[in-house]
Structures are given as structure tokens and as C-alpha cells.
Amino acid sequence: MTSSRGWGILTSMVARASETPIPTATFEDLDLDRDDDRNAWERRLMDLAAQRIAAARHRLERLGIVDANGKLRSNELPPDMLPDSDTTLETG
């Protein structure tokens, strides 16, 4: 018998092709041999990291994986990882 537990989470985790592109940071306008420009580059990287983390968290919230506080909505395993699953790690 196949269990339907966990399918909602798996179905909602499918990536969508319409997602926004990953933000990037450029450094062509900087001279990284200068302290001021190295500091500016570090600020850009920190801003970029914050944007990417916020986007990832928003995506996980939208998919229903975490709540607004970042906590997992379910601790349930996917069907293929349940003890009664016929799935195996053997590949041969």
C-alpha cells in the first residue's frame, strides 16, 4: 500500500521556471588594491548575501516549507524515507 503522507510538501517543492533571477554584484568599477574600494566590495557582497537569504526564505515560506518565523511547518518524512517504504539505497 502506498502512503500519501508528505506528498503535499513534495508537490509544493517543485521549482518554478518563472522565479526571479539570482542577484549579482559587480566590481568592474572598483580597484581592489585600494582599501576604500575593498570595503565597498565587501559591503556589496554583504548586501548581495542579505538579498539572496531573504529571497530563499521568502521562497521557502511561499512553498509552505517554513512559517513566517522560519520554523519548519512539518517534520514528516517524504514517503520514500518512511520505515515501511520499499525504497533502498542499493543501486546495483
PDB file of N, CA and C in Angstrom:
ATOM      1  N   MET A   1       0.845  -1.176   0.000  1.00  0.00           N
ATOM      2  CA  MET A   1       0.000   0.000   0.000  1.00  0.00           C
ATOM      3  C   MET A   1       0.891   1.240   0.000  1.00  0.00           C
ATOM      4  N   THR A   2       0.579   2.222  -0.804  1.00  0.00           N
ATOM      5  CA  THR A   2       1.351   3.454  -0.900  1.00  0.00           C
ATOM      6  C   THR A   2       0.751   4.497   0.028  1.00  0.00           C
ATOM      7  N   SER A   3       1.600   5.110   0.803  1.00  0.00           N
ATOM      8  CA  SER A   3       1.148   6.143   1.729  1.00  0.00           C
ATOM      9  C   SER A   3       1.110   7.484   1.009  1.00  0.00           C
ATOM     10  N   SER A   4       0.124   8.310   1.323  1.00  0.00           N
ATOM     11  CA  SER A   4       0.034   9.630   0.700  1.00  0.00           C
ATOM     12  C   SER A   4       0.617  10.708   1.612  1.00  0.00           C
ATOM     13  N   ARG A   5       1.152  10.299   2.750  1.00  0.00           N
ATOM     14  CA  ARG A   5       1.717  11.271   3.685  1.00  0.00           C
ATOM     15  C   ARG A   5       2.923  11.960   3.064  1.00  0.00           C
ATOM     16  N   GLY A   6       3.005  13.270   3.206  1.00  0.00           N
ATOM     17  CA  GLY A   6       4.159  14.016   2.740  1.00  0.00           C
ATOM     18  C   GLY A   6       4.100  14.483   1.300  1.00  0.00           C
ATOM     19  N   TRP A   7       3.132  14.024   0.505  1.00  0.00           N
ATOM     20  CA  TRP A   7       3.080  14.406  -0.901  1.00  0.00           C
ATOM     21  C   TRP A   7       2.823  15.886  -1.086  1.00  0.00           C
ATOM     22  N   GLY A   8       2.048  16.508  -0.187  1.00  0.00           N
ATOM     23  CA  GLY A   8       1.779  17.937  -0.311  1.00  0.00           C
ATOM     24  C   GLY A   8       3.045  18.760  -0.286  1.00  0.00           C
ATOM     25  N   ILE A   9       3.944  18.407   0.608  1.00  0.00           N
ATOM     26  CA  ILE A   9       5.221  19.117   0.701  1.00  0.00           C
ATOM     27  C   ILE A   9       6.051  18.867  -0.548  1.00  0.00           C
ATOM     28  N   LEU A  10       6.125  17.620  -0.983  1.00  0.00           N
ATOM     29  CA  LEU A  10       6.930  17.298  -2.169  1.00  0.00           C
ATOM     30  C   LEU A  10       6.401  17.999  -3.405  1.00  0.00           C
ATOM     31  N   THR A  11       5.100  18.015  -3.556  1.00  0.00           N
ATOM     32  CA  THR A  11       4.498  18.668  -4.712  1.00  0.00           C
ATOM     33  C   THR A  11       4.803  20.157  -4.703  1.00  0.00           C
ATOM     34  N   SER A  12       4.750  20.772  -3.519  1.00  0.00           N
ATOM     35  CA  SER A  12       4.959  22.214  -3.444  1.00  0.00           C
ATOM     36  C   SER A  12       6.423  22.603  -3.582  1.00  0.00           C
ATOM     37  N   MET A  13       7.334  21.635  -3.484  1.00  0.00           N
ATOM     38  CA  MET A  13       8.756  21.949  -3.574  1.00  0.00           C
ATOM     39  C   MET A  13       9.258  22.010  -5.004  1.00  0.00           C
ATOM     40  N   VAL A  14       8.426  21.697  -5.965  1.00  0.00           N
ATOM     41  CA  VAL A  14       8.841  21.730  -7.364  1.00  0.00           C
ATOM     42  C   VAL A  14       9.209  23.167  -7.735  1.00  0.00           C
ATOM     43  N   ALA A  15      10.389  23.347  -8.267  1.00  0.00           N
ATOM     44  CA  ALA A  15      10.852  24.690  -8.622  1.00  0.00           C
ATOM     45  C   ALA A  15      10.050  25.228  -9.792  1.00  0.00           C
ATOM     46  N   ARG A  16       9.800  26.511  -9.758  1.00  0.00           N
ATOM     47  CA  ARG A  16       9.056  27.153 -10.835  1.00  0.00           C
ATOM     48  C   ARG A  16      10.031  27.881 -11.764  1.00  0.00           C
ATOM     49  N   ALA A  17       9.793  27.780 -13.051  1.00  0.00           N
ATOM     50  CA  ALA A  17      10.670  28.405 -14.036  1.00  0.00           C
ATOM     51  C   ALA A  17      10.550  29.916 -14.032  1.00  0.00           C
ATOM     52  N   SER A  18       9.479  30.453 -13.466  1.00  0.00           N
ATOM     53  CA  SER A  18       9.259  31.893 -13.503  1.00  0.00           C
ATOM     54  C   SER A  18       9.889  32.630 -12.326  1.00  0.00           C
ATOM     55  N   GLU A  19      10.688  31.949 -11.519  1.00  0.00           N
ATOM     56  CA  GLU A  19      11.288  32.605 -10.365  1.00  0.00           C
ATOM     57  C   GLU A  19      12.262  33.690 -10.808  1.00  0.00           C
ATOM     58  N   THR A  20      12.445  34.684  -9.940  1.00  0.00           N
ATOM     59  CA  THR A  20      13.336  35.791 -10.267  1.00  0.00           C
ATOM     60  C   THR A  20      14.782  35.311 -10.316  1.00  0.00           C
ATOM     61  N   PRO A  21      15.596  35.940 -11.156  1.00  0.00           N
ATOM     62  CA  PRO A  21      16.993  35.527 -11.263  1.00  0.00           C
ATOM     63  C   PRO A  21      17.775  35.828  -9.988  1.00  0.00           C
ATOM     64  N   ILE A  22      18.875  35.131  -9.809  1.00  0.00           N
ATOM     65  CA  ILE A  22      19.730  35.338  -8.643  1.00  0.00           C
ATOM     66  C   ILE A  22      20.436  36.683  -8.794  1.00  0.00           C
ATOM     67  N   PRO A  23      20.364  37.541  -7.756  1.00  0.00           N
ATOM     68  CA  PRO A  23      21.047  38.838  -7.854  1.00  0.00           C
ATOM     69  C   PRO A  23      22.565  38.655  -7.891  1.00  0.00           C
ATOM     70  N   THR A  24      23.242  39.592  -8.527  1.00  0.00           N
ATOM     71  CA  THR A  24      24.696  39.531  -8.638  1.00  0.00           C
ATOM     72  C   THR A  24      25.304  40.860  -8.194  1.00  0.00           C
ATOM     73  N   ALA A  25      26.601  40.834  -7.955  1.00  0.00           N
ATOM     74  CA  ALA A  25      27.345  42.045  -7.603  1.00  0.00           C
ATOM     75  C   ALA A  25      28.499  42.186  -8.587  1.00  0.00           C
ATOM     76  N   THR A  26      28.752  43.401  -8.997  1.00  0.00           N
ATOM     77  CA  THR A  26      29.857  43.630  -9.932  1.00  0.00           C
ATOM     78  C   THR A  26      30.978  44.383  -9.221  1.00  0.00           C
ATOM     79  N   PHE A  27      32.181  44.294  -9.778  1.00  0.00           N
ATOM     80  CA  PHE A  27      33.323  45.001  -9.195  1.00  0.00           C
ATOM     81  C   PHE A  27      34.176  45.687 -10.257  1.00  0.00           C
ATOM     82  N   GLU A  28      33.657  45.748 -11.491  1.00  0.00           N
ATOM     83  CA  GLU A  28      34.431  46.348 -12.568  1.00  0.00           C
ATOM     84  C   GLU A  28      34.803  47.803 -12.293  1.00  0.00           C
ATOM     85  N   ASP A  29      33.971  48.496 -11.536  1.00  0.00           N
ATOM     86  CA  ASP A  29      34.224  49.909 -11.245  1.00  0.00           C
ATOM     87  C   ASP A  29      35.116  50.105 -10.024  1.00  0.00           C
ATOM     88  N   LEU A  30      35.622  49.028  -9.432  1.00  0.00           N
ATOM     89  CA  LEU A  30      36.428  49.116  -8.215  1.00  0.00           C
ATOM     90  C   LEU A  30      37.879  48.750  -8.486  1.00  0.00           C
ATOM     91  N   ASP A  31      38.762  49.364  -7.730  1.00  0.00           N
ATOM     92  CA  ASP A  31      40.177  48.997  -7.732  1.00  0.00           C
ATOM     93  C   ASP A  31      40.424  48.280  -6.409  1.00  0.00           C
ATOM     94  N   LEU A  32      40.469  46.961  -6.452  1.00  0.00           N
ATOM     95  CA  LEU A  32      40.547  46.173  -5.225  1.00  0.00           C
ATOM     96  C   LEU A  32      41.900  46.256  -4.524  1.00  0.00           C
ATOM     97  N   ASP A  33      42.826  47.029  -5.086  1.00  0.00           N
ATOM     98  CA  ASP A  33      44.090  47.299  -4.408  1.00  0.00           C
ATOM     99  C   ASP A  33      43.948  48.464  -3.427  1.00  0.00           C
ATOM    100  N   ARG A  34      42.838  49.176  -3.496  1.00  0.00           N
ATOM    101  CA  ARG A  34      42.590  50.319  -2.597  1.00  0.00           C
ATOM    102  C   ARG A  34      41.669  49.877  -1.462  1.00  0.00           C
ATOM    103  N   ASP A  35      41.977  50.313  -0.240  1.00  0.00           N
ATOM    104  CA  ASP A  35      41.171  49.955   0.933  1.00  0.00           C
ATOM    105  C   ASP A  35      39.722  50.383   0.790  1.00  0.00           C
ATOM    106  N   ASP A  36      39.479  51.598   0.320  1.00  0.00           N
ATOM    107  CA  ASP A  36      38.107  52.086   0.183  1.00  0.00           C
ATOM    108  C   ASP A  36      37.293  51.216  -0.774  1.00  0.00           C
ATOM    109  N   ASP A  37      37.914  50.829  -1.872  1.00  0.00           N
ATOM    110  CA  ASP A  37      37.214  50.003  -2.844  1.00  0.00           C
ATOM    111  C   ASP A  37      37.010  48.569  -2.334  1.00  0.00           C
ATOM    112  N   ARG A  38      37.996  48.041  -1.599  1.00  0.00           N
ATOM    113  CA  ARG A  38      37.812  46.714  -0.991  1.00  0.00           C
ATOM    114  C   ARG A  38      36.670  46.743   0.012  1.00  0.00           C
ATOM    115  N   ASN A  39      36.565  47.829   0.784  1.00  0.00           N
ATOM    116  CA  ASN A  39      35.462  47.979   1.741  1.00  0.00           C
ATOM    117  C   ASN A  39      34.126  48.088   1.010  1.00  0.00           C
ATOM    118  N   ALA A  40      34.113  48.809  -0.106  1.00  0.00           N
ATOM    119  CA  ALA A  40      32.892  48.927  -0.905  1.00  0.00           C
ATOM    120  C   ALA A  40      32.498  47.550  -1.458  1.00  0.00           C
ATOM    121  N   TRP A  41      33.484  46.772  -1.908  1.00  0.00           N
ATOM    122  CA  TRP A  41      33.216  45.432  -2.423  1.00  0.00           C
ATOM    123  C   TRP A  41      32.630  44.536  -1.321  1.00  0.00           C
ATOM    124  N   GLU A  42      33.196  44.624  -0.129  1.00  0.00           N
ATOM    125  CA  GLU A  42      32.682  43.829   0.985  1.00  0.00           C
ATOM    126  C   GLU A  42      31.240  44.226   1.309  1.00  0.00           C
ATOM    127  N   ARG A  43      30.928  45.521   1.281  1.00  0.00           N
ATOM    128  CA  ARG A  43      29.548  45.975   1.518  1.00  0.00           C
ATOM    129  C   ARG A  43      28.613  45.423   0.441  1.00  0.00           C
ATOM    130  N   ARG A  44      29.053  45.439  -0.816  1.00  0.00           N
ATOM    131  CA  ARG A  44      28.236  44.891  -1.905  1.00  0.00           C
ATOM    132  C   ARG A  44      27.971  43.412  -1.697  1.00  0.00           C
ATOM    133  N   LEU A  45      29.009  42.664  -1.283  1.00  0.00           N
ATOM    134  CA  LEU A  45      28.828  41.232  -1.048  1.00  0.00           C
ATOM    135  C   LEU A  45      27.861  40.977   0.105  1.00  0.00           C
ATOM    136  N   MET A  46      27.976  41.773   1.164  1.00  0.00           N
ATOM    137  CA  MET A  46      27.065  41.615   2.299  1.00  0.00           C
ATOM    138  C   MET A  46      25.627  41.947   1.896  1.00  0.00           C
ATOM    139  N   ASP A  47      25.454  42.998   1.099  1.00  0.00           N
ATOM    140  CA  ASP A  47      24.113  43.338   0.599  1.00  0.00           C
ATOM    141  C   ASP A  47      23.563  42.216  -0.286  1.00  0.00           C
ATOM    142  N   LEU A  48      24.416  41.689  -1.142  1.00  0.00           N
ATOM    143  CA  LEU A  48      24.021  40.595  -2.027  1.00  0.00           C
ATOM    144  C   LEU A  48      23.622  39.363  -1.215  1.00  0.00           C
ATOM    145  N   ALA A  49      24.424  39.041  -0.213  1.00  0.00           N
ATOM    146  CA  ALA A  49      24.107  37.886   0.633  1.00  0.00           C
ATOM    147  C   ALA A  49      22.765  38.082   1.330  1.00  0.00           C
ATOM    148  N   ALA A  50      22.515  39.277   1.843  1.00  0.00           N
ATOM    149  CA  ALA A  50      21.245  39.552   2.516  1.00  0.00           C
ATOM    150  C   ALA A  50      20.069  39.401   1.552  1.00  0.00           C
ATOM    151  N   GLN A  51      20.226  39.879   0.317  1.00  0.00           N
ATOM    152  CA  GLN A  51      19.169  39.747  -0.692  1.00  0.00           C
ATOM    153  C   GLN A  51      18.896  38.280  -1.004  1.00  0.00           C
ATOM    154  N   ARG A  52      19.958  37.500  -1.164  1.00  0.00           N
ATOM    155  CA  ARG A  52      19.798  36.091  -1.517  1.00  0.00           C
ATOM    156  C   ARG A  52      19.177  35.299  -0.375  1.00  0.00           C
ATOM    157  N   ILE A  53      19.562  35.603   0.850  1.00  0.00           N
ATOM    158  CA  ILE A  53      18.977  34.928   2.010  1.00  0.00           C
ATOM    159  C   ILE A  53      17.501  35.269   2.129  1.00  0.00           C
ATOM    160  N   ALA A  54      17.163  36.550   1.964  1.00  0.00           N
ATOM    161  CA  ALA A  54      15.762  36.974   2.031  1.00  0.00           C
ATOM    162  C   ALA A  54      14.937  36.306   0.941  1.00  0.00           C
ATOM    163  N   ALA A  55      15.491  36.207  -0.271  1.00  0.00           N
ATOM    164  CA  ALA A  55      14.776  35.570  -1.378  1.00  0.00           C
ATOM    165  C   ALA A  55      14.565  34.083  -1.102  1.00  0.00           C
ATOM    166  N   ALA A  56      15.583  33.420  -0.570  1.00  0.00           N
ATOM    167  CA  ALA A  56      15.470  31.993  -0.265  1.00  0.00           C
ATOM    168  C   ALA A  56      14.431  31.760   0.827  1.00  0.00           C
ATOM    169  N   ARG A  57      14.447  32.597   1.839  1.00  0.00           N
ATOM    170  CA  ARG A  57      13.465  32.449   2.925  1.00  0.00           C
ATOM    171  C   ARG A  57      12.049  32.701   2.405  1.00  0.00           C
ATOM    172  N   HIS A  58      11.892  33.721   1.576  1.00  0.00           N
ATOM    173  CA  HIS A  58      10.580  34.017   1.000  1.00  0.00           C
ATOM    174  C   HIS A  58      10.093  32.831   0.171  1.00  0.00           C
ATOM    175  N   ARG A  59      10.978  32.239  -0.597  1.00  0.00           N
ATOM    176  CA  ARG A  59      10.618  31.077  -1.419  1.00  0.00           C
ATOM    177  C   ARG A  59      10.168  29.915  -0.540  1.00  0.00           C
ATOM    178  N   LEU A  60      10.907  29.646   0.534  1.00  0.00           N
ATOM    179  CA  LEU A  60      10.533  28.559   1.438  1.00  0.00           C
ATOM    180  C   LEU A  60       9.194  28.825   2.118  1.00  0.00           C
ATOM    181  N   GLU A  61       8.925  30.093   2.448  1.00  0.00           N
ATOM    182  CA  GLU A  61       7.621  30.451   3.014  1.00  0.00           C
ATOM    183  C   GLU A  61       6.520  30.249   1.984  1.00  0.00           C
ATOM    184  N   ARG A  62       6.762  30.719   0.763  1.00  0.00           N
ATOM    185  CA  ARG A  62       5.767  30.608  -0.295  1.00  0.00           C
ATOM    186  C   ARG A  62       5.444  29.147  -0.606  1.00  0.00           C
ATOM    187  N   LEU A  63       6.442  28.283  -0.545  1.00  0.00           N
ATOM    188  CA  LEU A  63       6.248  26.865  -0.805  1.00  0.00           C
ATOM    189  C   LEU A  63       5.611  26.139   0.383  1.00  0.00           C
ATOM    190  N   GLY A  64       5.482  26.835   1.510  1.00  0.00           N
ATOM    191  CA  GLY A  64       4.864  26.230   2.681  1.00  0.00           C
ATOM    192  C   GLY A  64       5.797  25.341   3.475  1.00  0.00           C
ATOM    193  N   ILE A  65       7.094  25.470   3.265  1.00  0.00           N
ATOM    194  CA  ILE A  65       8.067  24.634   3.965  1.00  0.00           C
ATOM    195  C   ILE A  65       8.373  25.207   5.343  1.00  0.00           C
ATOM    196  N   VAL A  66       8.473  26.536   5.446  1.00  0.00           N
ATOM    197  CA  VAL A  66       8.683  27.192   6.737  1.00  0.00           C
ATOM    198  C   VAL A  66       7.590  28.215   6.961  1.00  0.00           C
ATOM    199  N   ASP A  67       7.389  28.575   8.240  1.00  0.00           N
ATOM    200  CA  ASP A  67       6.404  29.603   8.560  1.00  0.00           C
ATOM    201  C   ASP A  67       7.087  30.969   8.573  1.00  0.00           C
ATOM    202  N   ALA A  68       6.355  31.999   8.966  1.00  0.00           N
ATOM    203  CA  ALA A  68       6.887  33.367   8.961  1.00  0.00           C
ATOM    204  C   ALA A  68       8.060  33.548   9.917  1.00  0.00           C
ATOM    205  N   ASN A  69       8.207  32.642  10.879  1.00  0.00           N
ATOM    206  CA  ASN A  69       9.323  32.702  11.832  1.00  0.00           C
ATOM    207  C   ASN A  69      10.502  31.836  11.414  1.00  0.00           C
ATOM    208  N   GLY A  70      10.393  31.222  10.248  1.00  0.00           N
ATOM    209  CA  GLY A  70      11.475  30.380   9.752  1.00  0.00           C
ATOM    210  C   GLY A  70      11.462  28.969  10.303  1.00  0.00           C
ATOM    211  N   LYS A  71      10.415  28.603  11.005  1.00  0.00           N
ATOM    212  CA  LYS A  71      10.300  27.253  11.576  1.00  0.00           C
ATOM    213  C   LYS A  71       9.684  26.295  10.547  1.00  0.00           C
ATOM    214  N   LEU A  72      10.176  25.058  10.517  1.00  0.00           N
ATOM    215  CA  LEU A  72       9.610  24.051   9.629  1.00  0.00           C
ATOM    216  C   LEU A  72       8.138  23.850   9.940  1.00  0.00           C
ATOM    217  N   ARG A  73       7.327  23.771   8.902  1.00  0.00           N
ATOM    218  CA  ARG A  73       5.891  23.538   9.088  1.00  0.00           C
ATOM    219  C   ARG A  73       5.606  22.069   9.361  1.00  0.00           C
ATOM    220  N   SER A  74       6.484  21.169   8.941  1.00  0.00           N
ATOM    221  CA  SER A  74       6.271  19.742   9.132  1.00  0.00           C
ATOM    222  C   SER A  74       7.602  19.057   9.367  1.00  0.00           C
ATOM    223  N   ASN A  75       7.589  18.090  10.241  1.00  0.00           N
ATOM    224  CA  ASN A  75       8.768  17.250  10.460  1.00  0.00           C
ATOM    225  C   ASN A  75       8.573  15.873   9.837  1.00  0.00           C
ATOM    226  N   GLU A  76       7.518  15.736   9.056  1.00  0.00           N
ATOM    227  CA  GLU A  76       7.183  14.463   8.429  1.00  0.00           C
ATOM    228  C   GLU A  76       8.162  14.158   7.300  1.00  0.00           C
ATOM    229  N   LEU A  77       8.564  12.909   7.230  1.00  0.00           N
ATOM    230  CA  LEU A  77       9.469  12.475   6.168  1.00  0.00           C
ATOM    231  C   LEU A  77       8.701  12.238   4.871  1.00  0.00           C
ATOM    232  N   PRO A  78       9.368  12.396   3.722  1.00  0.00           N
ATOM    233  CA  PRO A  78       8.736  12.036   2.455  1.00  0.00           C
ATOM    234  C   PRO A  78       8.456  10.533   2.436  1.00  0.00           C
ATOM    235  N   PRO A  79       7.506  10.104   1.617  1.00  0.00           N
ATOM    236  CA  PRO A  79       7.102   8.691   1.605  1.00  0.00           C
ATOM    237  C   PRO A  79       8.253   7.717   1.374  1.00  0.00           C
ATOM    238  N   ASP A  80       9.213   8.071   0.540  1.00  0.00           N
ATOM    239  CA  ASP A  80      10.296   7.136   0.248  1.00  0.00           C
ATOM    240  C   ASP A  80      11.298   7.007   1.384  1.00  0.00           C
ATOM    241  N   MET A  81      11.166   7.824   2.428  1.00  0.00           N
ATOM    242  CA  MET A  81      12.088   7.749   3.562  1.00  0.00           C
ATOM    243  C   MET A  81      11.433   7.142   4.804  1.00  0.00           C
ATOM    244  N   LEU A  82      10.174   6.783   4.708  1.00  0.00           N
ATOM    245  CA  LEU A  82       9.473   6.182   5.837  1.00  0.00           C
ATOM    246  C   LEU A  82       9.966   4.752   6.054  1.00  0.00           C
ATOM    247  N   PRO A  83       9.916   4.265   7.302  1.00  0.00           N
ATOM    248  CA  PRO A  83      10.410   2.921   7.593  1.00  0.00           C
ATOM    249  C   PRO A  83       9.746   1.815   6.762  1.00  0.00           C
ATOM    250  N   ASP A  84       8.486   1.968   6.414  1.00  0.00           N
ATOM    251  CA  ASP A  84       7.800   0.924   5.652  1.00  0.00           C
ATOM    252  C   ASP A  84       7.935   1.073   4.135  1.00  0.00           C
ATOM    253  N   SER A  85       8.787   1.978   3.698  1.00  0.00           N
ATOM    254  CA  SER A  85       8.997   2.194   2.270  1.00  0.00           C
ATOM    255  C   SER A  85       9.809   1.054   1.660  1.00  0.00           C
ATOM    256  N   ASP A  86       9.517   0.741   0.402  1.00  0.00           N
ATOM    257  CA  ASP A  86      10.282  -0.271  -0.325  1.00  0.00           C
ATOM    258  C   ASP A  86      11.546   0.307  -0.965  1.00  0.00           C
ATOM    259  N   THR A  87      11.739   1.599  -0.832  1.00  0.00           N
ATOM    260  CA  THR A  87      12.910   2.260  -1.414  1.00  0.00           C
ATOM    261  C   THR A  87      14.175   1.791  -0.724  1.00  0.00           C
ATOM    262  N   THR A  88      15.241   1.644  -1.494  1.00  0.00           N
ATOM    263  CA  THR A  88      16.518   1.192  -0.953  1.00  0.00           C
ATOM    264  C   THR A  88      17.634   2.101  -1.450  1.00  0.00           C
ATOM    265  N   LEU A  89      18.746   2.049  -0.773  1.00  0.00           N
ATOM    266  CA  LEU A  89      19.924   2.814  -1.193  1.00  0.00           C
ATOM    267  C   LEU A  89      20.786   2.032  -2.175  1.00  0.00           C
ATOM    268  N   GLU A  90      20.503   0.748  -2.329  1.00  0.00           N
ATOM    269  CA  GLU A  90      21.283  -0.086  -3.232  1.00  0.00           C
ATOM    270  C   GLU A  90      21.042   0.334  -4.671  1.00  0.00           C
ATOM    271  N   THR A  91      22.108   0.461  -5.429  1.00  0.00           N
ATOM    272  CA  THR A  91      21.998   0.892  -6.822  1.00  0.00           C
ATOM    273  C   THR A  91      22.296  -0.233  -7.807  1.00  0.00           C
ATOM    274  N   GLY A  92      22.742  -1.374  -7.334  1.00  0.00           N
ATOM    275  CA  GLY A  92      23.137  -2.431  -8.259  1.00  0.00           C
ATOM    276  C   GLY A  92      22.249  -3.599  -8.309  1.00  0.00           C
TER     277      GLY A  92
END
